[in-house]
Every structure is written in C-alpha cells, then in structure tokens.
Amino acid sequence: MSKTKKLLVLCAVLALAAVQVPTCQANPTAAPAPVQMSSLSGTVVETMNSGGYTYVHINTGEQMNWAAIPTTKVEIGSKVTLAPGMVMHNFPSKSLGRTFEAILFSQGITKE
C-alpha cells in the first residue's frame, strides 16, 4: 500500500472515531423529568421575589420545600397551602443566581 493510501485510510479511521454514536442509555447527569405534586401546606420560613415569581421556603413539619408562585405578598410565619403543580429538579434560577435541588411551581396560595 502506498504512503498516500495509508494516510487516507488513517484519516478515514480517525474521522470515524470522532463521530459520536447515539446510545440507548439514559443520560445519568440529566435532571429527572418534572413530576406532578399535590398541594403543599406549611409555615413560610423564607420568601423572595424575583423574575415575576415569589419563591417561598415552606416548613411542612416533616421537611423543607421550595415553591415558586406568581408574585404574591407572603409573610414569614404565615401558614399557607399551595395549589398542586409541577416539581422541577435541579432548577437553575437565573434571576436569583442559584439552583434549587427541587422546587414546586404552583399557581399560588389556596389557603392562608
């Protein structure tokens, strides 16, 4: 085989090696898909407004949960129940410059 042919074969092999072949494996670093959550009730321990949402940190008595609702006046210490919504995992809030491990996106407060 001539040097030119060897060089062409080598280039073809390298080009094929660079092509990424899709696999059937799930991406282990991808965030889980959003899931529907029933209402969330508890005491407001922290709140902040940003990007058209009010972010509310709620103590349910068993765990702490973050939720985002349309901008609403919410007082720390108030007891609230939020409407059902979707839970997003590893949600990056650009306006707050942070990522929430899990956050409920709700239509708002149903009871205070």
N, C-alpha and C. Protein backbone atom coordinates (compact mmCIF):
# COMPACT_ATOMS: atom_id res chain seq x y z
N MET A 1 0.86 -1.17 0.00
CA MET A 1 0.00 0.00 0.00
C MET A 1 0.90 1.23 0.00
N SER A 2 0.56 2.20 -0.84
CA SER A 2 1.38 3.40 -0.93
C SER A 2 1.20 4.29 0.30
N LYS A 3 2.14 5.19 0.51
CA LYS A 3 2.06 6.11 1.65
C LYS A 3 0.80 6.96 1.59
N THR A 4 0.38 7.37 0.40
CA THR A 4 -0.82 8.20 0.23
C THR A 4 -2.06 7.43 0.66
N LYS A 5 -2.16 6.16 0.23
CA LYS A 5 -3.31 5.34 0.60
C LYS A 5 -3.34 5.09 2.10
N LYS A 6 -2.16 4.81 2.69
CA LYS A 6 -2.09 4.60 4.14
C LYS A 6 -2.56 5.85 4.88
N LEU A 7 -2.13 7.01 4.41
CA LEU A 7 -2.52 8.27 5.03
C LEU A 7 -4.03 8.50 4.91
N LEU A 8 -4.61 8.17 3.75
CA LEU A 8 -6.05 8.32 3.56
C LEU A 8 -6.83 7.36 4.46
N VAL A 9 -6.36 6.13 4.60
CA VAL A 9 -7.01 5.15 5.47
C VAL A 9 -6.93 5.62 6.92
N LEU A 10 -5.78 6.10 7.33
CA LEU A 10 -5.61 6.61 8.68
C LEU A 10 -6.55 7.78 8.95
N CYS A 11 -6.66 8.70 8.01
CA CYS A 11 -7.57 9.84 8.15
C CYS A 11 -9.02 9.39 8.25
N ALA A 12 -9.40 8.38 7.45
CA ALA A 12 -10.78 7.87 7.48
C ALA A 12 -11.07 7.21 8.83
N VAL A 13 -10.12 6.45 9.35
CA VAL A 13 -10.30 5.80 10.65
C VAL A 13 -10.44 6.85 11.75
N LEU A 14 -9.61 7.86 11.72
CA LEU A 14 -9.68 8.93 12.73
C LEU A 14 -11.00 9.69 12.63
N ALA A 15 -11.46 9.93 11.42
CA ALA A 15 -12.73 10.64 11.24
C ALA A 15 -13.89 9.81 11.78
N LEU A 16 -13.88 8.51 11.54
CA LEU A 16 -14.94 7.64 12.06
C LEU A 16 -14.89 7.56 13.58
N ALA A 17 -13.70 7.58 14.14
CA ALA A 17 -13.56 7.51 15.59
C ALA A 17 -14.09 8.78 16.26
N ALA A 18 -14.07 9.89 15.54
CA ALA A 18 -14.53 11.16 16.10
C ALA A 18 -16.05 11.29 16.08
N VAL A 19 -16.72 10.48 15.29
CA VAL A 19 -18.18 10.55 15.19
C VAL A 19 -18.79 9.95 16.44
N GLN A 20 -19.72 10.67 17.07
CA GLN A 20 -20.39 10.16 18.26
C GLN A 20 -21.61 9.37 17.84
N VAL A 21 -21.68 8.16 18.32
CA VAL A 21 -22.81 7.30 18.01
C VAL A 21 -23.80 7.37 19.15
N PRO A 22 -25.08 7.69 18.87
CA PRO A 22 -26.06 7.75 19.95
C PRO A 22 -26.26 6.37 20.56
N THR A 23 -26.50 6.36 21.85
CA THR A 23 -26.74 5.10 22.53
C THR A 23 -28.14 5.11 23.13
N CYS A 24 -28.57 3.95 23.58
CA CYS A 24 -29.89 3.83 24.20
C CYS A 24 -29.85 4.09 25.69
N GLN A 25 -28.67 4.33 26.24
CA GLN A 25 -28.56 4.57 27.67
C GLN A 25 -29.12 5.94 28.02
N ALA A 26 -29.74 6.02 29.18
CA ALA A 26 -30.22 7.31 29.67
C ALA A 26 -29.01 8.13 30.10
N ASN A 27 -29.11 9.43 29.98
CA ASN A 27 -28.05 10.32 30.40
C ASN A 27 -28.07 10.41 31.92
N PRO A 28 -27.06 9.87 32.60
CA PRO A 28 -27.09 9.85 34.06
C PRO A 28 -26.97 11.23 34.69
N THR A 29 -26.49 12.23 33.94
CA THR A 29 -26.37 13.57 34.51
C THR A 29 -27.58 14.44 34.23
N ALA A 30 -28.52 13.95 33.43
CA ALA A 30 -29.71 14.74 33.11
C ALA A 30 -30.63 14.81 34.33
N ALA A 31 -31.28 15.95 34.48
CA ALA A 31 -32.24 16.12 35.58
C ALA A 31 -33.46 15.27 35.33
N PRO A 32 -34.06 14.75 36.40
CA PRO A 32 -35.28 13.98 36.23
C PRO A 32 -36.38 14.85 35.62
N ALA A 33 -37.30 14.23 34.93
CA ALA A 33 -38.42 14.96 34.34
C ALA A 33 -39.29 15.52 35.45
N PRO A 34 -39.97 16.65 35.18
CA PRO A 34 -40.85 17.22 36.19
C PRO A 34 -41.96 16.23 36.55
N VAL A 35 -42.38 16.26 37.80
CA VAL A 35 -43.46 15.39 38.25
C VAL A 35 -44.56 16.23 38.90
N GLN A 36 -45.77 15.77 38.77
CA GLN A 36 -46.92 16.45 39.37
C GLN A 36 -46.90 16.22 40.87
N MET A 37 -47.18 17.26 41.64
CA MET A 37 -47.23 17.15 43.09
C MET A 37 -48.56 17.68 43.57
N SER A 38 -49.10 17.03 44.59
CA SER A 38 -50.35 17.53 45.17
C SER A 38 -50.05 18.82 45.92
N SER A 39 -51.04 19.39 46.55
CA SER A 39 -50.86 20.66 47.24
C SER A 39 -49.78 20.54 48.31
N LEU A 40 -49.25 21.68 48.70
CA LEU A 40 -48.18 21.75 49.69
C LEU A 40 -48.63 22.70 50.78
N SER A 41 -48.59 22.25 52.04
CA SER A 41 -49.02 23.08 53.17
C SER A 41 -47.91 23.17 54.20
N GLY A 42 -47.82 24.34 54.84
CA GLY A 42 -46.84 24.51 55.90
C GLY A 42 -46.67 25.96 56.27
N THR A 43 -45.61 26.22 57.03
CA THR A 43 -45.31 27.56 57.51
C THR A 43 -44.20 28.17 56.67
N VAL A 44 -44.38 29.41 56.25
CA VAL A 44 -43.40 30.12 55.43
C VAL A 44 -42.23 30.53 56.32
N VAL A 45 -41.01 30.10 55.94
CA VAL A 45 -39.82 30.44 56.72
C VAL A 45 -38.90 31.42 55.97
N GLU A 46 -39.13 31.55 54.68
CA GLU A 46 -38.31 32.45 53.87
C GLU A 46 -39.07 32.77 52.60
N THR A 47 -38.89 33.97 52.09
CA THR A 47 -39.56 34.35 50.84
C THR A 47 -38.71 35.39 50.12
N MET A 48 -38.79 35.38 48.80
CA MET A 48 -38.10 36.39 47.99
C MET A 48 -38.81 36.52 46.65
N ASN A 49 -38.81 37.71 46.11
CA ASN A 49 -39.43 37.98 44.80
C ASN A 49 -38.34 38.19 43.77
N SER A 50 -38.53 37.56 42.60
CA SER A 50 -37.58 37.74 41.52
C SER A 50 -38.14 37.15 40.24
N GLY A 51 -37.93 37.83 39.14
CA GLY A 51 -38.29 37.31 37.83
C GLY A 51 -39.77 37.00 37.65
N GLY A 52 -40.65 37.74 38.33
CA GLY A 52 -42.09 37.52 38.19
C GLY A 52 -42.64 36.43 39.09
N TYR A 53 -41.80 35.90 39.98
CA TYR A 53 -42.23 34.85 40.90
C TYR A 53 -41.95 35.26 42.34
N THR A 54 -42.71 34.69 43.24
CA THR A 54 -42.37 34.74 44.66
C THR A 54 -41.89 33.34 45.01
N TYR A 55 -40.66 33.27 45.48
CA TYR A 55 -40.08 32.00 45.91
C TYR A 55 -40.36 31.86 47.41
N VAL A 56 -40.95 30.73 47.79
CA VAL A 56 -41.38 30.53 49.17
C VAL A 56 -40.74 29.26 49.70
N HIS A 57 -40.07 29.38 50.85
CA HIS A 57 -39.48 28.22 51.52
C HIS A 57 -40.46 27.82 52.62
N ILE A 58 -40.97 26.60 52.55
CA ILE A 58 -42.06 26.16 53.42
C ILE A 58 -41.60 24.99 54.29
N ASN A 59 -41.90 25.09 55.59
CA ASN A 59 -41.66 24.01 56.53
C ASN A 59 -42.97 23.26 56.70
N THR A 60 -43.02 22.00 56.25
CA THR A 60 -44.25 21.22 56.34
C THR A 60 -44.40 20.54 57.70
N GLY A 61 -43.37 20.65 58.52
CA GLY A 61 -43.35 19.93 59.79
C GLY A 61 -42.55 18.65 59.67
N GLU A 62 -42.40 18.15 58.47
CA GLU A 62 -41.62 16.95 58.20
C GLU A 62 -40.40 17.24 57.33
N GLN A 63 -40.53 18.25 56.49
CA GLN A 63 -39.43 18.61 55.60
C GLN A 63 -39.56 20.06 55.15
N MET A 64 -38.49 20.55 54.54
CA MET A 64 -38.47 21.90 53.99
C MET A 64 -38.61 21.79 52.47
N ASN A 65 -39.49 22.62 51.89
CA ASN A 65 -39.72 22.61 50.45
C ASN A 65 -39.68 24.03 49.91
N TRP A 66 -39.14 24.17 48.71
CA TRP A 66 -39.20 25.43 47.98
C TRP A 66 -40.35 25.37 46.99
N ALA A 67 -41.00 26.51 46.81
CA ALA A 67 -42.06 26.63 45.80
C ALA A 67 -41.93 27.99 45.13
N ALA A 68 -42.39 28.06 43.90
CA ALA A 68 -42.45 29.32 43.16
C ALA A 68 -43.89 29.54 42.75
N ILE A 69 -44.39 30.73 43.05
CA ILE A 69 -45.76 31.10 42.69
C ILE A 69 -45.72 32.45 42.00
N PRO A 70 -46.78 32.81 41.27
CA PRO A 70 -46.80 34.16 40.70
C PRO A 70 -46.61 35.19 41.82
N THR A 71 -45.98 36.31 41.50
CA THR A 71 -45.65 37.31 42.51
C THR A 71 -46.85 37.58 43.43
N THR A 72 -46.64 37.32 44.72
CA THR A 72 -47.67 37.41 45.74
C THR A 72 -47.03 37.91 47.03
N LYS A 73 -47.75 38.72 47.78
CA LYS A 73 -47.25 39.14 49.09
C LYS A 73 -47.46 37.98 50.06
N VAL A 74 -46.36 37.48 50.63
CA VAL A 74 -46.40 36.37 51.57
C VAL A 74 -45.55 36.75 52.77
N GLU A 75 -46.10 36.59 53.96
CA GLU A 75 -45.36 36.96 55.16
C GLU A 75 -44.72 35.75 55.81
N ILE A 76 -43.49 35.94 56.28
CA ILE A 76 -42.79 34.89 57.01
C ILE A 76 -43.59 34.57 58.27
N GLY A 77 -43.76 33.30 58.55
CA GLY A 77 -44.53 32.84 59.70
C GLY A 77 -45.97 32.50 59.37
N SER A 78 -46.44 32.91 58.19
CA SER A 78 -47.82 32.60 57.83
C SER A 78 -47.93 31.13 57.41
N LYS A 79 -49.11 30.57 57.67
CA LYS A 79 -49.38 29.19 57.25
C LYS A 79 -50.11 29.27 55.91
N VAL A 80 -49.61 28.50 54.94
CA VAL A 80 -50.19 28.54 53.60
C VAL A 80 -50.40 27.13 53.05
N THR A 81 -51.30 27.04 52.10
CA THR A 81 -51.46 25.84 51.28
C THR A 81 -51.37 26.29 49.84
N LEU A 82 -50.48 25.66 49.09
CA LEU A 82 -50.29 26.00 47.68
C LEU A 82 -51.02 25.00 46.80
N ALA A 83 -51.51 25.49 45.70
CA ALA A 83 -52.19 24.65 44.70
C ALA A 83 -51.20 23.62 44.15
N PRO A 84 -51.72 22.48 43.69
CA PRO A 84 -50.83 21.47 43.09
C PRO A 84 -50.05 22.06 41.91
N GLY A 85 -48.94 21.45 41.59
CA GLY A 85 -48.13 21.92 40.48
C GLY A 85 -47.07 20.92 40.11
N MET A 86 -46.13 21.38 39.30
CA MET A 86 -45.05 20.52 38.83
C MET A 86 -43.79 20.77 39.65
N VAL A 87 -43.10 19.68 40.00
CA VAL A 87 -41.83 19.78 40.72
C VAL A 87 -40.70 19.66 39.70
N MET A 88 -39.81 20.63 39.73
CA MET A 88 -38.64 20.62 38.86
C MET A 88 -37.42 20.30 39.72
N HIS A 89 -36.55 19.45 39.22
CA HIS A 89 -35.33 19.08 39.94
C HIS A 89 -34.14 19.79 39.32
N ASN A 90 -33.23 20.23 40.18
CA ASN A 90 -32.02 20.95 39.74
C ASN A 90 -32.39 22.15 38.87
N PHE A 91 -33.36 22.93 39.35
CA PHE A 91 -33.86 24.07 38.58
C PHE A 91 -32.95 25.29 38.79
N PRO A 92 -32.34 25.80 37.71
CA PRO A 92 -31.50 26.99 37.84
C PRO A 92 -32.33 28.27 37.69
N SER A 93 -32.31 29.10 38.72
CA SER A 93 -32.98 30.40 38.64
C SER A 93 -31.92 31.43 38.26
N LYS A 94 -31.99 31.90 37.03
CA LYS A 94 -31.02 32.88 36.57
C LYS A 94 -31.17 34.19 37.32
N SER A 95 -32.42 34.58 37.62
CA SER A 95 -32.64 35.87 38.28
C SER A 95 -32.13 35.86 39.72
N LEU A 96 -32.10 34.69 40.37
CA LEU A 96 -31.59 34.60 41.74
C LEU A 96 -30.13 34.13 41.78
N GLY A 97 -29.65 33.62 40.65
CA GLY A 97 -28.27 33.15 40.60
C GLY A 97 -28.03 31.92 41.46
N ARG A 98 -29.03 31.03 41.50
CA ARG A 98 -28.88 29.80 42.29
C ARG A 98 -29.66 28.67 41.64
N THR A 99 -29.35 27.47 42.05
CA THR A 99 -30.05 26.28 41.56
C THR A 99 -30.78 25.63 42.72
N PHE A 100 -32.06 25.35 42.52
CA PHE A 100 -32.87 24.68 43.54
C PHE A 100 -32.82 23.19 43.28
N GLU A 101 -32.50 22.41 44.31
CA GLU A 101 -32.45 20.95 44.17
C GLU A 101 -33.81 20.43 43.72
N ALA A 102 -34.88 20.96 44.32
CA ALA A 102 -36.26 20.63 43.91
C ALA A 102 -37.12 21.83 44.24
N ILE A 103 -38.03 22.19 43.33
CA ILE A 103 -38.91 23.33 43.56
C ILE A 103 -40.27 23.05 42.91
N LEU A 104 -41.33 23.36 43.64
CA LEU A 104 -42.69 23.21 43.15
C LEU A 104 -43.11 24.49 42.45
N PHE A 105 -43.56 24.39 41.22
CA PHE A 105 -44.14 25.53 40.52
C PHE A 105 -45.65 25.41 40.65
N SER A 106 -46.23 26.32 41.41
CA SER A 106 -47.66 26.28 41.75
C SER A 106 -48.35 27.52 41.20
N GLN A 107 -49.68 27.41 41.02
CA GLN A 107 -50.47 28.56 40.57
C GLN A 107 -50.66 29.58 41.69
N GLY A 108 -50.41 29.18 42.93
CA GLY A 108 -50.50 30.13 44.02
C GLY A 108 -51.10 29.56 45.29
N ILE A 109 -51.37 30.47 46.21
CA ILE A 109 -51.90 30.11 47.52
C ILE A 109 -53.40 29.81 47.41
N THR A 110 -53.82 28.70 48.02
CA THR A 110 -55.24 28.37 48.04
C THR A 110 -55.83 28.64 49.41
N LYS A 111 -55.02 28.58 50.49
CA LYS A 111 -55.46 28.88 51.85
C LYS A 111 -54.35 29.52 52.62
N GLU A 112 -54.70 30.43 53.53
CA GLU A 112 -53.72 31.02 54.45
C GLU A 112 -54.18 30.76 55.86
